[in-house]
Amino acid sequence: MAIYLNPANNEYIETKNGQIFVDKSLLINYTNKIMKTPQKYICISRPRRFGKSTDANMLVAYYSKGCDSLE
Protein backbone atom coordinates (compact mmCIF):
# COMPACT_ATOMS: atom_id res chain seq x y z
CA MET A 1 0.00 0.00 0.00
CA ALA A 2 1.35 3.43 -0.93
CA ILE A 3 1.05 6.73 0.87
CA TYR A 4 0.26 9.68 -1.37
CA LEU A 5 1.44 13.08 -0.19
CA ASN A 6 -1.04 15.03 -2.28
CA PRO A 7 -3.85 12.75 -3.47
CA ALA A 8 -6.01 15.52 -4.93
CA ASN A 9 -3.10 17.29 -6.69
CA ASN A 10 -4.63 20.71 -6.07
CA GLU A 11 -1.33 22.41 -5.28
CA TYR A 12 0.34 20.98 -8.38
CA ILE A 13 -2.54 22.05 -10.64
CA GLU A 14 -2.31 25.61 -9.25
CA THR A 15 1.45 25.69 -9.87
CA LYS A 16 1.11 24.22 -13.37
CA ASN A 17 -1.43 26.86 -14.35
CA GLY A 18 0.73 29.68 -12.96
CA GLN A 19 3.37 31.64 -14.82
CA ILE A 20 6.34 30.24 -12.88
CA PHE A 21 5.95 26.58 -13.88
CA VAL A 22 9.05 24.89 -15.31
CA ASP A 23 8.65 21.48 -16.97
CA LYS A 24 11.01 19.01 -15.34
CA SER A 25 10.28 15.97 -17.49
CA LEU A 26 13.87 14.77 -17.15
CA LEU A 27 13.21 14.16 -13.45
CA ILE A 28 10.28 11.92 -14.41
CA ASN A 29 12.44 10.07 -16.95
CA TYR A 30 15.17 9.56 -14.36
CA THR A 31 12.66 8.39 -11.75
CA ASN A 32 11.14 5.91 -14.23
CA LYS A 33 14.60 4.56 -15.02
CA ILE A 34 15.60 3.85 -11.41
CA MET A 35 12.19 2.96 -9.95
CA LYS A 36 12.61 -0.83 -9.68
CA THR A 37 16.33 -0.85 -8.90
CA PRO A 38 18.29 -0.80 -5.62
CA GLN A 39 19.02 2.89 -6.32
CA LYS A 40 15.31 3.77 -6.17
CA TYR A 41 15.71 6.39 -3.43
CA ILE A 42 16.32 9.95 -4.55
CA CYS A 43 17.70 12.74 -2.38
CA ILE A 44 17.08 16.17 -3.83
CA SER A 45 19.20 18.67 -1.94
CA ARG A 46 18.83 22.20 -3.20
CA PRO A 47 18.90 25.59 -1.51
CA ARG A 48 15.75 27.13 -0.11
CA ARG A 49 13.11 28.18 -2.64
CA PHE A 50 14.54 26.10 -5.50
CA GLY A 51 11.37 24.09 -6.16
CA LYS A 52 11.81 20.93 -4.08
CA SER A 53 8.13 20.88 -3.09
CA THR A 54 7.09 21.61 -6.67
CA ASP A 55 9.20 18.67 -7.86
CA ALA A 56 7.62 16.40 -5.27
CA ASN A 57 4.10 17.57 -6.22
CA MET A 58 4.89 16.97 -9.90
CA LEU A 59 6.01 13.39 -9.19
CA VAL A 60 2.90 12.77 -7.08
CA ALA A 61 0.67 14.12 -9.85
CA TYR A 62 2.45 11.95 -12.43
CA TYR A 63 2.30 8.70 -10.45
CA SER A 64 -1.00 9.30 -8.62
CA LYS A 65 -4.12 7.41 -9.56
CA GLY A 66 -6.27 10.29 -8.31
CA CYS A 67 -5.34 12.72 -11.10
CA ASP A 68 -6.77 12.69 -14.60
CA SER A 69 -3.74 13.48 -16.76
CA LEU A 70 -5.60 13.16 -20.07
CA GLU A 71 -5.59 16.92 -20.68
C-alpha atoms as a PDB file:
ATOM      1  CA  MET A   1       0.000   0.000   0.000  1.00  0.00           C
ATOM      2  CA  ALA A   2       1.346   3.426  -0.932  1.00  0.00           C
ATOM      3  CA  ILE A   3       1.050   6.728   0.866  1.00  0.00           C
ATOM      4  CA  TYR A   4       0.262   9.677  -1.365  1.00  0.00           C
ATOM      5  CA  LEU A   5       1.443  13.081  -0.189  1.00  0.00           C
ATOM      6  CA  ASN A   6      -1.042  15.034  -2.277  1.00  0.00           C
ATOM      7  CA  PRO A   7      -3.847  12.747  -3.471  1.00  0.00           C
ATOM      8  CA  ALA A   8      -6.014  15.525  -4.929  1.00  0.00           C
ATOM      9  CA  ASN A   9      -3.096  17.285  -6.690  1.00  0.00           C
ATOM     10  CA  ASN A  10      -4.631  20.709  -6.071  1.00  0.00           C
ATOM     11  CA  GLU A  11      -1.326  22.414  -5.280  1.00  0.00           C
ATOM     12  CA  TYR A  12       0.343  20.983  -8.384  1.00  0.00           C
ATOM     13  CA  ILE A  13      -2.535  22.049 -10.641  1.00  0.00           C
ATOM     14  CA  GLU A  14      -2.306  25.608  -9.245  1.00  0.00           C
ATOM     15  CA  THR A  15       1.446  25.690  -9.871  1.00  0.00           C
ATOM     16  CA  LYS A  16       1.107  24.223 -13.366  1.00  0.00           C
ATOM     17  CA  ASN A  17      -1.430  26.858 -14.349  1.00  0.00           C
ATOM     18  CA  GLY A  18       0.725  29.676 -12.965  1.00  0.00           C
ATOM     19  CA  GLN A  19       3.374  31.637 -14.820  1.00  0.00           C
ATOM     20  CA  ILE A  20       6.344  30.236 -12.882  1.00  0.00           C
ATOM     21  CA  PHE A  21       5.950  26.577 -13.878  1.00  0.00           C
ATOM     22  CA  VAL A  22       9.049  24.887 -15.307  1.00  0.00           C
ATOM     23  CA  ASP A  23       8.651  21.481 -16.972  1.00  0.00           C
ATOM     24  CA  LYS A  24      11.008  19.013 -15.342  1.00  0.00           C
ATOM     25  CA  SER A  25      10.280  15.967 -17.493  1.00  0.00           C
ATOM     26  CA  LEU A  26      13.873  14.771 -17.147  1.00  0.00           C
ATOM     27  CA  LEU A  27      13.206  14.164 -13.448  1.00  0.00           C
ATOM     28  CA  ILE A  28      10.279  11.920 -14.408  1.00  0.00           C
ATOM     29  CA  ASN A  29      12.439  10.070 -16.953  1.00  0.00           C
ATOM     30  CA  TYR A  30      15.174   9.561 -14.364  1.00  0.00           C
ATOM     31  CA  THR A  31      12.656   8.390 -11.753  1.00  0.00           C
ATOM     32  CA  ASN A  32      11.141   5.915 -14.232  1.00  0.00           C
ATOM     33  CA  LYS A  33      14.596   4.561 -15.022  1.00  0.00           C
ATOM     34  CA  ILE A  34      15.605   3.854 -11.410  1.00  0.00           C
ATOM     35  CA  MET A  35      12.192   2.962  -9.954  1.00  0.00           C
ATOM     36  CA  LYS A  36      12.607  -0.835  -9.677  1.00  0.00           C
ATOM     37  CA  THR A  37      16.332  -0.846  -8.905  1.00  0.00           C
ATOM     38  CA  PRO A  38      18.290  -0.799  -5.617  1.00  0.00           C
ATOM     39  CA  GLN A  39      19.016   2.895  -6.318  1.00  0.00           C
ATOM     40  CA  LYS A  40      15.306   3.775  -6.172  1.00  0.00           C
ATOM     41  CA  TYR A  41      15.708   6.392  -3.426  1.00  0.00           C
ATOM     42  CA  ILE A  42      16.318   9.953  -4.552  1.00  0.00           C
ATOM     43  CA  CYS A  43      17.701  12.739  -2.384  1.00  0.00           C
ATOM     44  CA  ILE A  44      17.079  16.170  -3.835  1.00  0.00           C
ATOM     45  CA  SER A  45      19.196  18.666  -1.941  1.00  0.00           C
ATOM     46  CA  ARG A  46      18.832  22.198  -3.198  1.00  0.00           C
ATOM     47  CA  PRO A  47      18.896  25.592  -1.513  1.00  0.00           C
ATOM     48  CA  ARG A  48      15.752  27.127  -0.107  1.00  0.00           C
ATOM     49  CA  ARG A  49      13.112  28.176  -2.636  1.00  0.00           C
ATOM     50  CA  PHE A  50      14.544  26.101  -5.501  1.00  0.00           C
ATOM     51  CA  GLY A  51      11.368  24.093  -6.159  1.00  0.00           C
ATOM     52  CA  LYS A  52      11.813  20.930  -4.080  1.00  0.00           C
ATOM     53  CA  SER A  53       8.134  20.879  -3.092  1.00  0.00           C
ATOM     54  CA  THR A  54       7.091  21.612  -6.668  1.00  0.00           C
ATOM     55  CA  ASP A  55       9.203  18.675  -7.858  1.00  0.00           C
ATOM     56  CA  ALA A  56       7.617  16.404  -5.268  1.00  0.00           C
ATOM     57  CA  ASN A  57       4.096  17.575  -6.219  1.00  0.00           C
ATOM     58  CA  MET A  58       4.895  16.972  -9.900  1.00  0.00           C
ATOM     59  CA  LEU A  59       6.005  13.393  -9.191  1.00  0.00           C
ATOM     60  CA  VAL A  60       2.902  12.772  -7.082  1.00  0.00           C
ATOM     61  CA  ALA A  61       0.675  14.121  -9.851  1.00  0.00           C
ATOM     62  CA  TYR A  62       2.446  11.947 -12.433  1.00  0.00           C
ATOM     63  CA  TYR A  63       2.297   8.703 -10.450  1.00  0.00           C
ATOM     64  CA  SER A  64      -0.999   9.302  -8.620  1.00  0.00           C
ATOM     65  CA  LYS A  65      -4.119   7.412  -9.563  1.00  0.00           C
ATOM     66  CA  GLY A  66      -6.269  10.289  -8.305  1.00  0.00           C
ATOM     67  CA  CYS A  67      -5.339  12.718 -11.097  1.00  0.00           C
ATOM     68  CA  ASP A  68      -6.775  12.688 -14.599  1.00  0.00           C
ATOM     69  CA  SER A  69      -3.743  13.483 -16.760  1.00  0.00           C
ATOM     70  CA  LEU A  70      -5.596  13.160 -20.072  1.00  0.00           C
ATOM     71  CA  GLU A  71      -5.592  16.915 -20.681  1.00  0.00           C
END
